[in-house]
Amino acid sequence: MKNPILEKHFSNIRDQLKLVLNTEKIHDSTNPIQLLYDNVLLIRNNGRVITDEDFTYRLELVLADTYKTLSLRIDSLLQNAKTLAFS
């Protein structure tokens, strides 16, 4: 990224995600926060110059994917809890 504003946004997002990962000591490659962090790094290291709109669009896709993953995990956990409660 050659745009200093995009670089700043990327740095802020990356640093916040890294802080969450370090604080929670999450070291699971299937963890949605880890996946989000990895995808943000992929956006940054793409090698192609991206615009503000492109960066935002890619970030929205990554966030939507992370939301879907979290929703599926929550549904699975709730189903497991119900199964255990009725057994």
PDB file of N, CA and C in Angstrom:
ATOM      1  N   MET A   1       0.847  -1.168   0.000  1.00  0.00           N
ATOM      2  CA  MET A   1       0.000   0.000   0.000  1.00  0.00           C
ATOM      3  C   MET A   1       0.894   1.232   0.000  1.00  0.00           C
ATOM      4  N   LYS A   2       0.625   2.087  -0.929  1.00  0.00           N
ATOM      5  CA  LYS A   2       1.415   3.308  -0.995  1.00  0.00           C
ATOM      6  C   LYS A   2       0.660   4.497  -0.426  1.00  0.00           C
ATOM      7  N   ASN A   3      -0.594   4.305  -0.149  1.00  0.00           N
ATOM      8  CA  ASN A   3      -1.424   5.364   0.396  1.00  0.00           C
ATOM      9  C   ASN A   3      -1.229   5.409   1.915  1.00  0.00           C
ATOM     10  N   PRO A   4      -0.726   6.535   2.450  1.00  0.00           N
ATOM     11  CA  PRO A   4      -0.467   6.607   3.892  1.00  0.00           C
ATOM     12  C   PRO A   4      -1.727   6.462   4.755  1.00  0.00           C
ATOM     13  N   ILE A   5      -2.862   6.902   4.253  1.00  0.00           N
ATOM     14  CA  ILE A   5      -4.104   6.770   5.019  1.00  0.00           C
ATOM     15  C   ILE A   5      -4.502   5.300   5.117  1.00  0.00           C
ATOM     16  N   LEU A   6      -4.413   4.582   3.989  1.00  0.00           N
ATOM     17  CA  LEU A   6      -4.714   3.146   4.009  1.00  0.00           C
ATOM     18  C   LEU A   6      -3.733   2.397   4.898  1.00  0.00           C
ATOM     19  N   GLU A   7      -2.487   2.779   4.828  1.00  0.00           N
ATOM     20  CA  GLU A   7      -1.465   2.134   5.659  1.00  0.00           C
ATOM     21  C   GLU A   7      -1.785   2.330   7.139  1.00  0.00           C
ATOM     22  N   LYS A   8      -2.245   3.519   7.492  1.00  0.00           N
ATOM     23  CA  LYS A   8      -2.617   3.812   8.879  1.00  0.00           C
ATOM     24  C   LYS A   8      -3.819   2.963   9.309  1.00  0.00           C
ATOM     25  N   HIS A   9      -4.843   2.888   8.445  1.00  0.00           N
ATOM     26  CA  HIS A   9      -6.017   2.057   8.756  1.00  0.00           C
ATOM     27  C   HIS A   9      -5.605   0.599   8.927  1.00  0.00           C
ATOM     28  N   PHE A  10      -4.789   0.116   8.005  1.00  0.00           N
ATOM     29  CA  PHE A  10      -4.325  -1.268   8.092  1.00  0.00           C
ATOM     30  C   PHE A  10      -3.582  -1.498   9.404  1.00  0.00           C
ATOM     31  N   SER A  11      -2.677  -0.595   9.743  1.00  0.00           N
ATOM     32  CA  SER A  11      -1.888  -0.744  10.973  1.00  0.00           C
ATOM     33  C   SER A  11      -2.775  -0.771  12.207  1.00  0.00           C
ATOM     34  N   ASN A  12      -3.772   0.103  12.241  1.00  0.00           N
ATOM     35  CA  ASN A  12      -4.699   0.130  13.385  1.00  0.00           C
ATOM     36  C   ASN A  12      -5.474  -1.179  13.509  1.00  0.00           C
ATOM     37  N   ILE A  13      -5.994  -1.667  12.387  1.00  0.00           N
ATOM     38  CA  ILE A  13      -6.758  -2.921  12.400  1.00  0.00           C
ATOM     39  C   ILE A  13      -5.855  -4.077  12.803  1.00  0.00           C
ATOM     40  N   ARG A  14      -4.690  -4.166  12.188  1.00  0.00           N
ATOM     41  CA  ARG A  14      -3.743  -5.244  12.489  1.00  0.00           C
ATOM     42  C   ARG A  14      -3.349  -5.233  13.960  1.00  0.00           C
ATOM     43  N   ASP A  15      -3.032  -4.056  14.477  1.00  0.00           N
ATOM     44  CA  ASP A  15      -2.594  -3.952  15.870  1.00  0.00           C
ATOM     45  C   ASP A  15      -3.700  -4.354  16.849  1.00  0.00           C
ATOM     46  N   GLN A  16      -4.940  -3.960  16.564  1.00  0.00           N
ATOM     47  CA  GLN A  16      -6.054  -4.319  17.441  1.00  0.00           C
ATOM     48  C   GLN A  16      -6.305  -5.828  17.431  1.00  0.00           C
ATOM     49  N   LEU A  17      -6.256  -6.424  16.245  1.00  0.00           N
ATOM     50  CA  LEU A  17      -6.452  -7.874  16.162  1.00  0.00           C
ATOM     51  C   LEU A  17      -5.324  -8.620  16.863  1.00  0.00           C
ATOM     52  N   LYS A  18      -4.104  -8.149  16.679  1.00  0.00           N
ATOM     53  CA  LYS A  18      -2.954  -8.789  17.329  1.00  0.00           C
ATOM     54  C   LYS A  18      -3.082  -8.672  18.848  1.00  0.00           C
ATOM     55  N   LEU A  19      -3.550  -7.530  19.330  1.00  0.00           N
ATOM     56  CA  LEU A  19      -3.753  -7.338  20.763  1.00  0.00           C
ATOM     57  C   LEU A  19      -4.765  -8.348  21.312  1.00  0.00           C
ATOM     58  N   VAL A  20      -5.861  -8.542  20.592  1.00  0.00           N
ATOM     59  CA  VAL A  20      -6.867  -9.523  21.022  1.00  0.00           C
ATOM     60  C   VAL A  20      -6.258 -10.918  21.053  1.00  0.00           C
ATOM     61  N   LEU A  21      -5.542 -11.274  20.006  1.00  0.00           N
ATOM     62  CA  LEU A  21      -4.929 -12.607  19.953  1.00  0.00           C
ATOM     63  C   LEU A  21      -3.925 -12.809  21.078  1.00  0.00           C
ATOM     64  N   ASN A  22      -3.117 -11.793  21.345  1.00  0.00           N
ATOM     65  CA  ASN A  22      -2.117 -11.912  22.415  1.00  0.00           C
ATOM     66  C   ASN A  22      -2.758 -11.921  23.798  1.00  0.00           C
ATOM     67  N   THR A  23      -3.790 -11.104  23.985  1.00  0.00           N
ATOM     68  CA  THR A  23      -4.466 -11.033  25.279  1.00  0.00           C
ATOM     69  C   THR A  23      -5.181 -12.338  25.597  1.00  0.00           C
ATOM     70  N   GLU A  24      -5.878 -12.852  24.610  1.00  0.00           N
ATOM     71  CA  GLU A  24      -6.650 -14.075  24.814  1.00  0.00           C
ATOM     72  C   GLU A  24      -5.798 -15.331  24.664  1.00  0.00           C
ATOM     73  N   LYS A  25      -4.573 -15.158  24.197  1.00  0.00           N
ATOM     74  CA  LYS A  25      -3.659 -16.281  23.974  1.00  0.00           C
ATOM     75  C   LYS A  25      -4.315 -17.359  23.112  1.00  0.00           C
ATOM     76  N   ILE A  26      -4.911 -16.896  22.025  1.00  0.00           N
ATOM     77  CA  ILE A  26      -5.591 -17.783  21.084  1.00  0.00           C
ATOM     78  C   ILE A  26      -4.574 -18.242  20.040  1.00  0.00           C
ATOM     79  N   HIS A  27      -4.355 -19.524  19.978  1.00  0.00           N
ATOM     80  CA  HIS A  27      -3.375 -20.050  19.026  1.00  0.00           C
ATOM     81  C   HIS A  27      -3.978 -21.179  18.200  1.00  0.00           C
ATOM     82  N   ASP A  28      -5.179 -20.975  17.719  1.00  0.00           N
ATOM     83  CA  ASP A  28      -5.882 -21.975  16.924  1.00  0.00           C
ATOM     84  C   ASP A  28      -6.079 -21.411  15.522  1.00  0.00           C
ATOM     85  N   SER A  29      -5.554 -22.102  14.522  1.00  0.00           N
ATOM     86  CA  SER A  29      -5.635 -21.580  13.157  1.00  0.00           C
ATOM     87  C   SER A  29      -7.067 -21.543  12.625  1.00  0.00           C
ATOM     88  N   THR A  30      -7.991 -22.216  13.293  1.00  0.00           N
ATOM     89  CA  THR A  30      -9.388 -22.168  12.857  1.00  0.00           C
ATOM     90  C   THR A  30     -10.192 -21.128  13.637  1.00  0.00           C
ATOM     91  N   ASN A  31      -9.538 -20.413  14.523  1.00  0.00           N
ATOM     92  CA  ASN A  31     -10.211 -19.373  15.298  1.00  0.00           C
ATOM     93  C   ASN A  31     -10.587 -18.216  14.372  1.00  0.00           C
ATOM     94  N   PRO A  32     -11.836 -17.747  14.411  1.00  0.00           N
ATOM     95  CA  PRO A  32     -12.258 -16.665  13.523  1.00  0.00           C
ATOM     96  C   PRO A  32     -11.418 -15.391  13.653  1.00  0.00           C
ATOM     97  N   ILE A  33     -10.974 -15.065  14.855  1.00  0.00           N
ATOM     98  CA  ILE A  33     -10.146 -13.863  15.026  1.00  0.00           C
ATOM     99  C   ILE A  33      -8.794 -14.064  14.346  1.00  0.00           C
ATOM    100  N   GLN A  34      -8.227 -15.255  14.472  1.00  0.00           N
ATOM    101  CA  GLN A  34      -6.959 -15.556  13.798  1.00  0.00           C
ATOM    102  C   GLN A  34      -7.145 -15.519  12.280  1.00  0.00           C
ATOM    103  N   LEU A  35      -8.262 -16.067  11.806  1.00  0.00           N
ATOM    104  CA  LEU A  35      -8.546 -16.034  10.369  1.00  0.00           C
ATOM    105  C   LEU A  35      -8.700 -14.597   9.873  1.00  0.00           C
ATOM    106  N   LEU A  36      -9.381 -13.771  10.654  1.00  0.00           N
ATOM    107  CA  LEU A  36      -9.547 -12.366  10.298  1.00  0.00           C
ATOM    108  C   LEU A  36      -8.188 -11.677  10.229  1.00  0.00           C
ATOM    109  N   TYR A  37      -7.352 -11.916  11.227  1.00  0.00           N
ATOM    110  CA  TYR A  37      -6.003 -11.337  11.253  1.00  0.00           C
ATOM    111  C   TYR A  37      -5.209 -11.774  10.018  1.00  0.00           C
ATOM    112  N   ASP A  38      -5.234 -13.064   9.718  1.00  0.00           N
ATOM    113  CA  ASP A  38      -4.499 -13.581   8.557  1.00  0.00           C
ATOM    114  C   ASP A  38      -5.009 -12.972   7.257  1.00  0.00           C
ATOM    115  N   ASN A  39      -6.326 -12.828   7.140  1.00  0.00           N
ATOM    116  CA  ASN A  39      -6.898 -12.243   5.926  1.00  0.00           C
ATOM    117  C   ASN A  39      -6.566 -10.761   5.784  1.00  0.00           C
ATOM    118  N   VAL A  40      -6.519 -10.049   6.894  1.00  0.00           N
ATOM    119  CA  VAL A  40      -6.116  -8.634   6.844  1.00  0.00           C
ATOM    120  C   VAL A  40      -4.669  -8.531   6.367  1.00  0.00           C
ATOM    121  N   LEU A  41      -3.816  -9.433   6.840  1.00  0.00           N
ATOM    122  CA  LEU A  41      -2.425  -9.443   6.371  1.00  0.00           C
ATOM    123  C   LEU A  41      -2.352  -9.760   4.878  1.00  0.00           C
ATOM    124  N   LEU A  42      -3.209 -10.661   4.412  1.00  0.00           N
ATOM    125  CA  LEU A  42      -3.230 -10.983   2.982  1.00  0.00           C
ATOM    126  C   LEU A  42      -3.648  -9.779   2.143  1.00  0.00           C
ATOM    127  N   ILE A  43      -4.622  -9.025   2.637  1.00  0.00           N
ATOM    128  CA  ILE A  43      -5.029  -7.807   1.931  1.00  0.00           C
ATOM    129  C   ILE A  43      -3.837  -6.863   1.824  1.00  0.00           C
ATOM    130  N   ARG A  44      -3.125  -6.708   2.923  1.00  0.00           N
ATOM    131  CA  ARG A  44      -1.984  -5.788   2.962  1.00  0.00           C
ATOM    132  C   ARG A  44      -0.846  -6.245   2.063  1.00  0.00           C
ATOM    133  N   ASN A  45      -0.575  -7.540   2.060  1.00  0.00           N
ATOM    134  CA  ASN A  45       0.587  -8.061   1.335  1.00  0.00           C
ATOM    135  C   ASN A  45       0.247  -8.538  -0.071  1.00  0.00           C
ATOM    136  N   ASN A  46      -0.881  -8.102  -0.576  1.00  0.00           N
ATOM    137  CA  ASN A  46      -1.355  -8.512  -1.889  1.00  0.00           C
ATOM    138  C   ASN A  46      -0.349  -8.180  -2.991  1.00  0.00           C
ATOM    139  N   GLY A  47       0.392  -7.105  -2.851  1.00  0.00           N
ATOM    140  CA  GLY A  47       1.362  -6.714  -3.862  1.00  0.00           C
ATOM    141  C   GLY A  47       0.787  -5.787  -4.913  1.00  0.00           C
ATOM    142  N   ARG A  48      -0.488  -5.587  -4.892  1.00  0.00           N
ATOM    143  CA  ARG A  48      -1.129  -4.718  -5.860  1.00  0.00           C
ATOM    144  C   ARG A  48      -1.574  -3.459  -5.129  1.00  0.00           C
ATOM    145  N   VAL A  49      -1.441  -2.343  -5.782  1.00  0.00           N
ATOM    146  CA  VAL A  49      -1.868  -1.081  -5.178  1.00  0.00           C
ATOM    147  C   VAL A  49      -3.390  -1.075  -5.132  1.00  0.00           C
ATOM    148  N   ILE A  50      -3.928  -0.806  -3.956  1.00  0.00           N
ATOM    149  CA  ILE A  50      -5.384  -0.802  -3.831  1.00  0.00           C
ATOM    150  C   ILE A  50      -5.874   0.581  -3.420  1.00  0.00           C
ATOM    151  N   THR A  51      -7.096   0.857  -3.804  1.00  0.00           N
ATOM    152  CA  THR A  51      -7.717   2.142  -3.477  1.00  0.00           C
ATOM    153  C   THR A  51      -8.442   2.027  -2.142  1.00  0.00           C
ATOM    154  N   ASP A  52      -8.922   3.164  -1.659  1.00  0.00           N
ATOM    155  CA  ASP A  52      -9.721   3.173  -0.427  1.00  0.00           C
ATOM    156  C   ASP A  52     -10.939   2.262  -0.569  1.00  0.00           C
ATOM    157  N   GLU A  53     -11.610   2.365  -1.714  1.00  0.00           N
ATOM    158  CA  GLU A  53     -12.816   1.565  -1.944  1.00  0.00           C
ATOM    159  C   GLU A  53     -12.492   0.078  -1.996  1.00  0.00           C
ATOM    160  N   ASP A  54     -11.404  -0.271  -2.658  1.00  0.00           N
ATOM    161  CA  ASP A  54     -11.001  -1.670  -2.768  1.00  0.00           C
ATOM    162  C   ASP A  54     -10.641  -2.236  -1.397  1.00  0.00           C
ATOM    163  N   PHE A  55      -9.910  -1.463  -0.613  1.00  0.00           N
ATOM    164  CA  PHE A  55      -9.533  -1.888   0.735  1.00  0.00           C
ATOM    165  C   PHE A  55     -10.780  -2.114   1.585  1.00  0.00           C
ATOM    166  N   THR A  56     -11.713  -1.162   1.527  1.00  0.00           N
ATOM    167  CA  THR A  56     -12.952  -1.267   2.299  1.00  0.00           C
ATOM    168  C   THR A  56     -13.775  -2.469   1.849  1.00  0.00           C
ATOM    169  N   TYR A  57     -13.873  -2.667   0.541  1.00  0.00           N
ATOM    170  CA  TYR A  57     -14.637  -3.797   0.006  1.00  0.00           C
ATOM    171  C   TYR A  57     -14.035  -5.128   0.461  1.00  0.00           C
ATOM    172  N   ARG A  58     -12.729  -5.261   0.346  1.00  0.00           N
ATOM    173  CA  ARG A  58     -12.066  -6.499   0.767  1.00  0.00           C
ATOM    174  C   ARG A  58     -12.231  -6.725   2.269  1.00  0.00           C
ATOM    175  N   LEU A  59     -12.128  -5.668   3.030  1.00  0.00           N
ATOM    176  CA  LEU A  59     -12.300  -5.776   4.477  1.00  0.00           C
ATOM    177  C   LEU A  59     -13.734  -6.194   4.819  1.00  0.00           C
ATOM    178  N   GLU A  60     -14.711  -5.646   4.111  1.00  0.00           N
ATOM    179  CA  GLU A  60     -16.107  -6.036   4.329  1.00  0.00           C
ATOM    180  C   GLU A  60     -16.318  -7.518   4.034  1.00  0.00           C
ATOM    181  N   LEU A  61     -15.707  -8.020   2.961  1.00  0.00           N
ATOM    182  CA  LEU A  61     -15.820  -9.446   2.635  1.00  0.00           C
ATOM    183  C   LEU A  61     -15.226 -10.316   3.738  1.00  0.00           C
ATOM    184  N   VAL A  62     -14.069  -9.912   4.227  1.00  0.00           N
ATOM    185  CA  VAL A  62     -13.400 -10.673   5.287  1.00  0.00           C
ATOM    186  C   VAL A  62     -14.239 -10.647   6.562  1.00  0.00           C
ATOM    187  N   LEU A  63     -14.784  -9.485   6.899  1.00  0.00           N
ATOM    188  CA  LEU A  63     -15.621  -9.374   8.096  1.00  0.00           C
ATOM    189  C   LEU A  63     -16.906 -10.195   7.960  1.00  0.00           C
ATOM    190  N   ALA A  64     -17.500 -10.191   6.779  1.00  0.00           N
ATOM    191  CA  ALA A  64     -18.712 -10.988   6.557  1.00  0.00           C
ATOM    192  C   ALA A  64     -18.407 -12.476   6.706  1.00  0.00           C
ATOM    193  N   ASP A  65     -17.285 -12.904   6.179  1.00  0.00           N
ATOM    194  CA  ASP A  65     -16.886 -14.306   6.296  1.00  0.00           C
ATOM    195  C   ASP A  65     -16.640 -14.679   7.759  1.00  0.00           C
ATOM    196  N   THR A  66     -16.001 -13.783   8.494  1.00  0.00           N
ATOM    197  CA  THR A  66     -15.740 -14.027   9.913  1.00  0.00           C
ATOM    198  C   THR A  66     -17.049 -14.088  10.695  1.00  0.00           C
ATOM    199  N   TYR A  67     -17.981 -13.200  10.383  1.00  0.00           N
ATOM    200  CA  TYR A  67     -19.290 -13.201  11.042  1.00  0.00           C
ATOM    201  C   TYR A  67     -20.010 -14.525  10.790  1.00  0.00           C
ATOM    202  N   LYS A  68     -19.966 -14.989   9.544  1.00  0.00           N
ATOM    203  CA  LYS A  68     -20.614 -16.263   9.210  1.00  0.00           C
ATOM    204  C   LYS A  68     -19.979 -17.409   9.996  1.00  0.00           C
ATOM    205  N   THR A  69     -18.657 -17.424  10.075  1.00  0.00           N
ATOM    206  CA  THR A  69     -17.954 -18.469  10.824  1.00  0.00           C
ATOM    207  C   THR A  69     -18.347 -18.437  12.294  1.00  0.00           C
ATOM    208  N   LEU A  70     -18.368 -17.236  12.876  1.00  0.00           N
ATOM    209  CA  LEU A  70     -18.767 -17.109  14.281  1.00  0.00           C
ATOM    210  C   LEU A  70     -20.209 -17.557  14.497  1.00  0.00           C
ATOM    211  N   SER A  71     -21.105 -17.182  13.602  1.00  0.00           N
ATOM    212  CA  SER A  71     -22.512 -17.573  13.723  1.00  0.00           C
ATOM    213  C   SER A  71     -22.665 -19.089  13.682  1.00  0.00           C
ATOM    214  N   LEU A  72     -21.956 -19.730  12.772  1.00  0.00           N
ATOM    215  CA  LEU A  72     -22.025 -21.188  12.674  1.00  0.00           C
ATOM    216  C   LEU A  72     -21.476 -21.855  13.930  1.00  0.00           C
ATOM    217  N   ARG A  73     -20.399 -21.298  14.474  1.00  0.00           N
ATOM    218  CA  ARG A  73     -19.834 -21.863  15.701  1.00  0.00           C
ATOM    219  C   ARG A  73     -20.782 -21.700  16.882  1.00  0.00           C
ATOM    220  N   ILE A  74     -21.403 -20.538  16.976  1.00  0.00           N
ATOM    221  CA  ILE A  74     -22.345 -20.296  18.070  1.00  0.00           C
ATOM    222  C   ILE A  74     -23.534 -21.248  17.951  1.00  0.00           C
ATOM    223  N   ASP A  75     -24.065 -21.404  16.735  1.00  0.00           N
ATOM    224  CA  ASP A  75     -25.172 -22.345  16.530  1.00  0.00           C
ATOM    225  C   ASP A  75     -24.774 -23.759  16.934  1.00  0.00           C
ATOM    226  N   SER A  76     -23.577 -24.151  16.563  1.00  0.00           N
ATOM    227  CA  SER A  76     -23.087 -25.489  16.904  1.00  0.00           C
ATOM    228  C   SER A  76     -22.956 -25.656  18.417  1.00  0.00           C
ATOM    229  N   LEU A  77     -22.416 -24.640  19.084  1.00  0.00           N
ATOM    230  CA  LEU A  77     -22.276 -24.705  20.541  1.00  0.00           C
ATOM    231  C   LEU A  77     -23.637 -24.767  21.234  1.00  0.00           C
ATOM    232  N   LEU A  78     -24.585 -23.976  20.749  1.00  0.00           N
ATOM    233  CA  LEU A  78     -25.934 -24.005  21.324  1.00  0.00           C
ATOM    234  C   LEU A  78     -26.594 -25.364  21.122  1.00  0.00           C
ATOM    235  N   GLN A  79     -26.420 -25.932  19.950  1.00  0.00           N
ATOM    236  CA  GLN A  79     -26.993 -27.254  19.678  1.00  0.00           C
ATOM    237  C   GLN A  79     -26.374 -28.308  20.589  1.00  0.00           C
ATOM    238  N   ASN A  80     -25.055 -28.236  20.776  1.00  0.00           N
ATOM    239  CA  ASN A  80     -24.376 -29.172  21.678  1.00  0.00           C
ATOM    240  C   ASN A  80     -24.864 -29.003  23.115  1.00  0.00           C
ATOM    241  N   ALA A  81     -25.065 -27.757  23.529  1.00  0.00           N
ATOM    242  CA  ALA A  81     -25.548 -27.495  24.888  1.00  0.00           C
ATOM    243  C   ALA A  81     -26.959 -28.055  25.071  1.00  0.00           C
ATOM    244  N   LYS A  82     -27.813 -27.883  24.067  1.00  0.00           N
ATOM    245  CA  LYS A  82     -29.172 -28.425  24.143  1.00  0.00           C
ATOM    246  C   LYS A  82     -29.139 -29.947  24.202  1.00  0.00           C
ATOM    247  N   THR A  83     -28.281 -30.543  23.408  1.00  0.00           N
ATOM    248  CA  THR A  83     -28.162 -32.005  23.400  1.00  0.00           C
ATOM    249  C   THR A  83     -27.722 -32.513  24.762  1.00  0.00           C
ATOM    250  N   LEU A  84     -26.749 -31.842  25.350  1.00  0.00           N
ATOM    251  CA  LEU A  84     -26.269 -32.250  26.675  1.00  0.00           C
ATOM    252  C   LEU A  84     -27.334 -32.033  27.748  1.00  0.00           C
ATOM    253  N   ALA A  85     -28.085 -30.962  27.619  1.00  0.00           N
ATOM    254  CA  ALA A  85     -29.114 -30.652  28.613  1.00  0.00           C
ATOM    255  C   ALA A  85     -30.238 -31.687  28.610  1.00  0.00           C
ATOM    256  N   PHE A  86     -30.526 -32.236  27.455  1.00  0.00           N
ATOM    257  CA  PHE A  86     -31.625 -33.202  27.348  1.00  0.00           C
ATOM    258  C   PHE A  86     -31.170 -34.652  27.434  1.00  0.00           C
ATOM    259  N   SER A  87     -29.879 -34.864  27.672  1.00  0.00           N
ATOM    260  CA  SER A  87     -29.420 -36.260  27.769  1.00  0.00           C
ATOM    261  C   SER A  87     -29.267 -36.700  29.205  1.00  0.00           C
TER     262      SER A  87
END
